[in-house]
Amino acid sequence: METKRTNKDVLVKGMKTMGITAILMFLGPTLVYVGLSNPDKPLYIPILIAAAIICILAIYFAFKGLKTIMDSMFKK
């Protein structure tokens, strides 16, 4: 009988995705703060749009990274 082991290659891929998530989790709210603190600047709306997209990407990559890490541990 074969014992179940963690697939290390998939685990490393998941950890890389979580690293991207960490960067996006800090970048998104920072851009929101910068955008909202300067409403009279000409780049007000584009900065807020970019910040919203980055925040959504952070959530997406967090779920994708966690799913990849769980797959490396529990899939056959």
PDB file of N, CA and C in Angstrom:
ATOM      1  N   MET A   1       0.846  -1.184   0.000  1.00  0.00           N
ATOM      2  CA  MET A   1       0.000   0.000   0.000  1.00  0.00           C
ATOM      3  C   MET A   1       0.888   1.244   0.000  1.00  0.00           C
ATOM      4  N   GLU A   2       0.557   2.146  -0.863  1.00  0.00           N
ATOM      5  CA  GLU A   2       1.359   3.360  -1.004  1.00  0.00           C
ATOM      6  C   GLU A   2       0.853   4.436  -0.042  1.00  0.00           C
ATOM      7  N   THR A   3       1.778   5.124   0.627  1.00  0.00           N
ATOM      8  CA  THR A   3       1.380   6.193   1.531  1.00  0.00           C
ATOM      9  C   THR A   3       1.196   7.482   0.744  1.00  0.00           C
ATOM     10  N   LYS A   4       0.299   8.323   1.227  1.00  0.00           N
ATOM     11  CA  LYS A   4       0.041   9.595   0.565  1.00  0.00           C
ATOM     12  C   LYS A   4       1.102  10.591   0.995  1.00  0.00           C
ATOM     13  N   ARG A   5       1.646  11.288   0.027  1.00  0.00           N
ATOM     14  CA  ARG A   5       2.668  12.298   0.307  1.00  0.00           C
ATOM     15  C   ARG A   5       2.312  13.592  -0.400  1.00  0.00           C
ATOM     16  N   THR A   6       2.885  14.669   0.091  1.00  0.00           N
ATOM     17  CA  THR A   6       2.666  15.977  -0.517  1.00  0.00           C
ATOM     18  C   THR A   6       3.440  16.075  -1.818  1.00  0.00           C
ATOM     19  N   ASN A   7       2.766  16.536  -2.862  1.00  0.00           N
ATOM     20  CA  ASN A   7       3.425  16.775  -4.143  1.00  0.00           C
ATOM     21  C   ASN A   7       4.179  18.102  -4.029  1.00  0.00           C
ATOM     22  N   LYS A   8       5.491  18.026  -3.914  1.00  0.00           N
ATOM     23  CA  LYS A   8       6.298  19.208  -3.617  1.00  0.00           C
ATOM     24  C   LYS A   8       6.291  20.231  -4.760  1.00  0.00           C
ATOM     25  N   ASP A   9       6.229  19.755  -6.005  1.00  0.00           N
ATOM     26  CA  ASP A   9       6.221  20.691  -7.136  1.00  0.00           C
ATOM     27  C   ASP A   9       4.954  21.541  -7.132  1.00  0.00           C
ATOM     28  N   VAL A  10       3.831  20.913  -6.863  1.00  0.00           N
ATOM     29  CA  VAL A  10       2.565  21.649  -6.813  1.00  0.00           C
ATOM     30  C   VAL A  10       2.540  22.568  -5.594  1.00  0.00           C
ATOM     31  N   LEU A  11       3.127  22.123  -4.488  1.00  0.00           N
ATOM     32  CA  LEU A  11       3.191  22.954  -3.288  1.00  0.00           C
ATOM     33  C   LEU A  11       4.009  24.208  -3.533  1.00  0.00           C
ATOM     34  N   VAL A  12       5.140  24.087  -4.225  1.00  0.00           N
ATOM     35  CA  VAL A  12       5.973  25.252  -4.534  1.00  0.00           C
ATOM     36  C   VAL A  12       5.216  26.212  -5.442  1.00  0.00           C
ATOM     37  N   LYS A  13       4.470  25.673  -6.400  1.00  0.00           N
ATOM     38  CA  LYS A  13       3.666  26.517  -7.292  1.00  0.00           C
ATOM     39  C   LYS A  13       2.618  27.290  -6.485  1.00  0.00           C
ATOM     40  N   GLY A  14       1.987  26.625  -5.521  1.00  0.00           N
ATOM     41  CA  GLY A  14       1.010  27.291  -4.664  1.00  0.00           C
ATOM     42  C   GLY A  14       1.635  28.358  -3.787  1.00  0.00           C
ATOM     43  N   MET A  15       2.828  28.096  -3.292  1.00  0.00           N
ATOM     44  CA  MET A  15       3.510  29.099  -2.462  1.00  0.00           C
ATOM     45  C   MET A  15       3.905  30.325  -3.283  1.00  0.00           C
ATOM     46  N   LYS A  16       4.296  30.112  -4.531  1.00  0.00           N
ATOM     47  CA  LYS A  16       4.605  31.253  -5.408  1.00  0.00           C
ATOM     48  C   LYS A  16       3.354  32.094  -5.648  1.00  0.00           C
ATOM     49  N   THR A  17       2.231  31.419  -5.844  1.00  0.00           N
ATOM     50  CA  THR A  17       0.973  32.141  -6.032  1.00  0.00           C
ATOM     51  C   THR A  17       0.613  32.930  -4.781  1.00  0.00           C
ATOM     52  N   MET A  18       0.867  32.362  -3.615  1.00  0.00           N
ATOM     53  CA  MET A  18       0.592  33.083  -2.374  1.00  0.00           C
ATOM     54  C   MET A  18       1.540  34.272  -2.192  1.00  0.00           C
ATOM     55  N   GLY A  19       2.755  34.172  -2.725  1.00  0.00           N
ATOM     56  CA  GLY A  19       3.670  35.311  -2.702  1.00  0.00           C
ATOM     57  C   GLY A  19       3.141  36.462  -3.543  1.00  0.00           C
ATOM     58  N   ILE A  20       2.615  36.133  -4.715  1.00  0.00           N
ATOM     59  CA  ILE A  20       1.995  37.157  -5.559  1.00  0.00           C
ATOM     60  C   ILE A  20       0.807  37.773  -4.839  1.00  0.00           C
ATOM     61  N   THR A  21       0.042  36.932  -4.147  1.00  0.00           N
ATOM     62  CA  THR A  21      -1.109  37.414  -3.387  1.00  0.00           C
ATOM     63  C   THR A  21      -0.684  38.412  -2.317  1.00  0.00           C
ATOM     64  N   ALA A  22       0.390  38.120  -1.618  1.00  0.00           N
ATOM     65  CA  ALA A  22       0.860  39.014  -0.552  1.00  0.00           C
ATOM     66  C   ALA A  22       1.239  40.381  -1.118  1.00  0.00           C
ATOM     67  N   ILE A  23       1.904  40.384  -2.260  1.00  0.00           N
ATOM     68  CA  ILE A  23       2.279  41.660  -2.880  1.00  0.00           C
ATOM     69  C   ILE A  23       1.033  42.442  -3.272  1.00  0.00           C
ATOM     70  N   LEU A  24       0.071  41.763  -3.899  1.00  0.00           N
ATOM     71  CA  LEU A  24      -1.154  42.439  -4.325  1.00  0.00           C
ATOM     72  C   LEU A  24      -1.986  42.920  -3.143  1.00  0.00           C
ATOM     73  N   MET A  25      -1.947  42.186  -2.018  1.00  0.00           N
ATOM     74  CA  MET A  25      -2.721  42.578  -0.842  1.00  0.00           C
ATOM     75  C   MET A  25      -2.200  43.868  -0.212  1.00  0.00           C
ATOM     76  N   PHE A  26      -0.932  44.156  -0.388  1.00  0.00           N
ATOM     77  CA  PHE A  26      -0.401  45.421   0.110  1.00  0.00           C
ATOM     78  C   PHE A  26      -0.521  46.528  -0.927  1.00  0.00           C
ATOM     79  N   LEU A  27      -0.355  46.187  -2.191  1.00  0.00           N
ATOM     80  CA  LEU A  27      -0.385  47.185  -3.259  1.00  0.00           C
ATOM     81  C   LEU A  27      -1.783  47.754  -3.476  1.00  0.00           C
ATOM     82  N   GLY A  28      -2.810  46.906  -3.460  1.00  0.00           N
ATOM     83  CA  GLY A  28      -4.181  47.352  -3.711  1.00  0.00           C
ATOM     84  C   GLY A  28      -4.672  48.403  -2.718  1.00  0.00           C
ATOM     85  N   PRO A  29      -4.668  48.114  -1.417  1.00  0.00           N
ATOM     86  CA  PRO A  29      -5.122  49.122  -0.450  1.00  0.00           C
ATOM     87  C   PRO A  29      -4.249  50.384  -0.429  1.00  0.00           C
ATOM     88  N   THR A  30      -2.961  50.225  -0.724  1.00  0.00           N
ATOM     89  CA  THR A  30      -2.095  51.409  -0.794  1.00  0.00           C
ATOM     90  C   THR A  30      -2.534  52.323  -1.925  1.00  0.00           C
ATOM     91  N   LEU A  31      -2.841  51.740  -3.079  1.00  0.00           N
ATOM     92  CA  LEU A  31      -3.320  52.551  -4.196  1.00  0.00           C
ATOM     93  C   LEU A  31      -4.687  53.166  -3.912  1.00  0.00           C
ATOM     94  N   VAL A  32      -5.544  52.449  -3.196  1.00  0.00           N
ATOM     95  CA  VAL A  32      -6.839  53.016  -2.817  1.00  0.00           C
ATOM     96  C   VAL A  32      -6.624  54.242  -1.934  1.00  0.00           C
ATOM     97  N   TYR A  33      -5.727  54.134  -0.981  1.00  0.00           N
ATOM     98  CA  TYR A  33      -5.439  55.265  -0.087  1.00  0.00           C
ATOM     99  C   TYR A  33      -4.877  56.458  -0.868  1.00  0.00           C
ATOM    100  N   VAL A  34      -3.921  56.175  -1.758  1.00  0.00           N
ATOM    101  CA  VAL A  34      -3.322  57.252  -2.556  1.00  0.00           C
ATOM    102  C   VAL A  34      -4.379  57.890  -3.449  1.00  0.00           C
ATOM    103  N   GLY A  35      -5.223  57.078  -4.052  1.00  0.00           N
ATOM    104  CA  GLY A  35      -6.254  57.611  -4.936  1.00  0.00           C
ATOM    105  C   GLY A  35      -7.277  58.451  -4.201  1.00  0.00           C
ATOM    106  N   LEU A  36      -7.711  57.996  -3.040  1.00  0.00           N
ATOM    107  CA  LEU A  36      -8.726  58.732  -2.295  1.00  0.00           C
ATOM    108  C   LEU A  36      -8.178  59.961  -1.584  1.00  0.00           C
ATOM    109  N   SER A  37      -6.881  60.025  -1.362  1.00  0.00           N
ATOM    110  CA  SER A  37      -6.319  61.190  -0.684  1.00  0.00           C
ATOM    111  C   SER A  37      -6.066  62.355  -1.634  1.00  0.00           C
ATOM    112  N   ASN A  38      -6.175  62.135  -2.952  1.00  0.00           N
ATOM    113  CA  ASN A  38      -5.948  63.199  -3.932  1.00  0.00           C
ATOM    114  C   ASN A  38      -7.097  63.266  -4.943  1.00  0.00           C
ATOM    115  N   PRO A  39      -8.299  63.653  -4.514  1.00  0.00           N
ATOM    116  CA  PRO A  39      -9.420  63.665  -5.470  1.00  0.00           C
ATOM    117  C   PRO A  39      -9.332  64.782  -6.513  1.00  0.00           C
ATOM    118  N   ASP A  40      -8.483  65.769  -6.303  1.00  0.00           N
ATOM    119  CA  ASP A  40      -8.388  66.875  -7.267  1.00  0.00           C
ATOM    120  C   ASP A  40      -7.334  66.633  -8.346  1.00  0.00           C
ATOM    121  N   LYS A  41      -6.616  65.555  -8.286  1.00  0.00           N
ATOM    122  CA  LYS A  41      -5.587  65.231  -9.287  1.00  0.00           C
ATOM    123  C   LYS A  41      -6.241  64.652 -10.544  1.00  0.00           C
ATOM    124  N   PRO A  42      -5.576  64.785 -11.700  1.00  0.00           N
ATOM    125  CA  PRO A  42      -6.173  64.269 -12.940  1.00  0.00           C
ATOM    126  C   PRO A  42      -6.189  62.734 -13.028  1.00  0.00           C
ATOM    127  N   LEU A  43      -5.342  62.035 -12.279  1.00  0.00           N
ATOM    128  CA  LEU A  43      -5.298  60.573 -12.322  1.00  0.00           C
ATOM    129  C   LEU A  43      -6.137  59.924 -11.218  1.00  0.00           C
ATOM    130  N   TYR A  44      -7.082  60.671 -10.667  1.00  0.00           N
ATOM    131  CA  TYR A  44      -7.911  60.180  -9.566  1.00  0.00           C
ATOM    132  C   TYR A  44      -8.686  58.912  -9.959  1.00  0.00           C
ATOM    133  N   ILE A  45      -9.438  58.970 -11.027  1.00  0.00           N
ATOM    134  CA  ILE A  45     -10.271  57.840 -11.455  1.00  0.00           C
ATOM    135  C   ILE A  45      -9.428  56.657 -11.942  1.00  0.00           C
ATOM    136  N   PRO A  46      -8.399  56.868 -12.790  1.00  0.00           N
ATOM    137  CA  PRO A  46      -7.598  55.703 -13.219  1.00  0.00           C
ATOM    138  C   PRO A  46      -6.891  54.986 -12.069  1.00  0.00           C
ATOM    139  N   ILE A  47      -6.447  55.724 -11.077  1.00  0.00           N
ATOM    140  CA  ILE A  47      -5.785  55.098  -9.924  1.00  0.00           C
ATOM    141  C   ILE A  47      -6.788  54.262  -9.133  1.00  0.00           C
ATOM    142  N   LEU A  48      -8.002  54.779  -8.960  1.00  0.00           N
ATOM    143  CA  LEU A  48      -9.021  54.010  -8.233  1.00  0.00           C
ATOM    144  C   LEU A  48      -9.440  52.768  -9.009  1.00  0.00           C
ATOM    145  N   ILE A  49      -9.533  52.867 -10.323  1.00  0.00           N
ATOM    146  CA  ILE A  49      -9.880  51.699 -11.137  1.00  0.00           C
ATOM    147  C   ILE A  49      -8.774  50.645 -11.043  1.00  0.00           C
ATOM    148  N   ALA A  50      -7.521  51.088 -11.155  1.00  0.00           N
ATOM    149  CA  ALA A  50      -6.394  50.151 -11.047  1.00  0.00           C
ATOM    150  C   ALA A  50      -6.358  49.513  -9.659  1.00  0.00           C
ATOM    151  N   ALA A  51      -6.638  50.290  -8.619  1.00  0.00           N
ATOM    152  CA  ALA A  51      -6.637  49.760  -7.261  1.00  0.00           C
ATOM    153  C   ALA A  51      -7.733  48.716  -7.080  1.00  0.00           C
ATOM    154  N   ALA A  52      -8.908  48.969  -7.642  1.00  0.00           N
ATOM    155  CA  ALA A  52     -10.005  48.005  -7.527  1.00  0.00           C
ATOM    156  C   ALA A  52      -9.656  46.705  -8.254  1.00  0.00           C
ATOM    157  N   ILE A  53      -9.052  46.807  -9.418  1.00  0.00           N
ATOM    158  CA  ILE A  53      -8.649  45.611 -10.168  1.00  0.00           C
ATOM    159  C   ILE A  53      -7.600  44.825  -9.401  1.00  0.00           C
ATOM    160  N   ILE A  54      -6.640  45.521  -8.803  1.00  0.00           N
ATOM    161  CA  ILE A  54      -5.588  44.848  -8.035  1.00  0.00           C
ATOM    162  C   ILE A  54      -6.173  44.164  -6.797  1.00  0.00           C
ATOM    163  N   CYS A  55      -7.131  44.790  -6.137  1.00  0.00           N
ATOM    164  CA  CYS A  55      -7.768  44.155  -4.973  1.00  0.00           C
ATOM    165  C   CYS A  55      -8.533  42.902  -5.380  1.00  0.00           C
ATOM    166  N   ILE A  56      -9.224  42.951  -6.511  1.00  0.00           N
ATOM    167  CA  ILE A  56      -9.947  41.774  -6.999  1.00  0.00           C
ATOM    168  C   ILE A  56      -8.964  40.667  -7.371  1.00  0.00           C
ATOM    169  N   LEU A  57      -7.851  41.032  -8.008  1.00  0.00           N
ATOM    170  CA  LEU A  57      -6.826  40.039  -8.343  1.00  0.00           C
ATOM    171  C   LEU A  57      -6.222  39.409  -7.092  1.00  0.00           C
ATOM    172  N   ALA A  58      -6.059  40.190  -6.024  1.00  0.00           N
ATOM    173  CA  ALA A  58      -5.518  39.640  -4.779  1.00  0.00           C
ATOM    174  C   ALA A  58      -6.439  38.561  -4.226  1.00  0.00           C
ATOM    175  N   ILE A  59      -7.738  38.803  -4.275  1.00  0.00           N
ATOM    176  CA  ILE A  59      -8.694  37.808  -3.793  1.00  0.00           C
ATOM    177  C   ILE A  59      -8.651  36.562  -4.674  1.00  0.00           C
ATOM    178  N   TYR A  60      -8.610  36.758  -5.990  1.00  0.00           N
ATOM    179  CA  TYR A  60      -8.564  35.632  -6.921  1.00  0.00           C
ATOM    180  C   TYR A  60      -7.313  34.777  -6.696  1.00  0.00           C
ATOM    181  N   PHE A  61      -6.145  35.432  -6.602  1.00  0.00           N
ATOM    182  CA  PHE A  61      -4.906  34.683  -6.415  1.00  0.00           C
ATOM    183  C   PHE A  61      -4.855  34.005  -5.049  1.00  0.00           C
ATOM    184  N   ALA A  62      -5.501  34.583  -4.035  1.00  0.00           N
ATOM    185  CA  ALA A  62      -5.538  33.942  -2.719  1.00  0.00           C
ATOM    186  C   ALA A  62      -6.304  32.622  -2.793  1.00  0.00           C
ATOM    187  N   PHE A  63      -7.466  32.645  -3.434  1.00  0.00           N
ATOM    188  CA  PHE A  63      -8.232  31.403  -3.570  1.00  0.00           C
ATOM    189  C   PHE A  63      -7.493  30.392  -4.434  1.00  0.00           C
ATOM    190  N   LYS A  64      -6.894  30.863  -5.527  1.00  0.00           N
ATOM    191  CA  LYS A  64      -6.172  29.968  -6.419  1.00  0.00           C
ATOM    192  C   LYS A  64      -4.968  29.346  -5.703  1.00  0.00           C
ATOM    193  N   GLY A  65      -4.234  30.139  -4.941  1.00  0.00           N
ATOM    194  CA  GLY A  65      -3.070  29.635  -4.215  1.00  0.00           C
ATOM    195  C   GLY A  65      -3.449  28.634  -3.142  1.00  0.00           C
ATOM    196  N   LEU A  66      -4.504  28.935  -2.382  1.00  0.00           N
ATOM    197  CA  LEU A  66      -4.941  28.008  -1.339  1.00  0.00           C
ATOM    198  C   LEU A  66      -5.442  26.699  -1.939  1.00  0.00           C
ATOM    199  N   LYS A  67      -6.160  26.783  -3.063  1.00  0.00           N
ATOM    200  CA  LYS A  67      -6.630  25.559  -3.715  1.00  0.00           C
ATOM    201  C   LYS A  67      -5.449  24.728  -4.217  1.00  0.00           C
ATOM    202  N   THR A  68      -4.436  25.381  -4.760  1.00  0.00           N
ATOM    203  CA  THR A  68      -3.260  24.652  -5.249  1.00  0.00           C
ATOM    204  C   THR A  68      -2.525  23.974  -4.104  1.00  0.00           C
ATOM    205  N   ILE A  69      -2.378  24.666  -2.985  1.00  0.00           N
ATOM    206  CA  ILE A  69      -1.710  24.087  -1.824  1.00  0.00           C
ATOM    207  C   ILE A  69      -2.512  22.901  -1.272  1.00  0.00           C
ATOM    208  N   MET A  70      -3.830  23.037  -1.206  1.00  0.00           N
ATOM    209  CA  MET A  70      -4.656  21.926  -0.729  1.00  0.00           C
ATOM    210  C   MET A  70      -4.594  20.736  -1.697  1.00  0.00           C
ATOM    211  N   ASP A  71      -4.569  21.018  -2.986  1.00  0.00           N
ATOM    212  CA  ASP A  71      -4.457  19.940  -3.966  1.00  0.00           C
ATOM    213  C   ASP A  71      -3.128  19.196  -3.827  1.00  0.00           C
ATOM    214  N   SER A  72      -2.062  19.918  -3.503  1.00  0.00           N
ATOM    215  CA  SER A  72      -0.764  19.256  -3.353  1.00  0.00           C
ATOM    216  C   SER A  72      -0.746  18.319  -2.158  1.00  0.00           C
ATOM    217  N   MET A  73      -1.542  18.605  -1.153  1.00  0.00           N
ATOM    218  CA  MET A  73      -1.541  17.780   0.046  1.00  0.00           C
ATOM    219  C   MET A  73      -2.555  16.646   0.004  1.00  0.00           C
ATOM    220  N   PHE A  74      -3.735  16.886  -0.580  1.00  0.00           N
ATOM    221  CA  PHE A  74      -4.824  15.938  -0.424  1.00  0.00           C
ATOM    222  C   PHE A  74      -5.250  15.220  -1.694  1.00  0.00           C
ATOM    223  N   LYS A  75      -4.803  15.637  -2.864  1.00  0.00           N
ATOM    224  CA  LYS A  75      -5.171  14.914  -4.086  1.00  0.00           C
ATOM    225  C   LYS A  75      -4.266  13.710  -4.283  1.00  0.00           C
ATOM    226  N   LYS A  76      -4.758  12.741  -5.048  1.00  0.00           N
ATOM    227  CA  LYS A  76      -3.970  11.524  -5.284  1.00  0.00           C
ATOM    228  C   LYS A  76      -2.942  11.743  -6.355  1.00  0.00           C
TER     229      LYS A  76
END
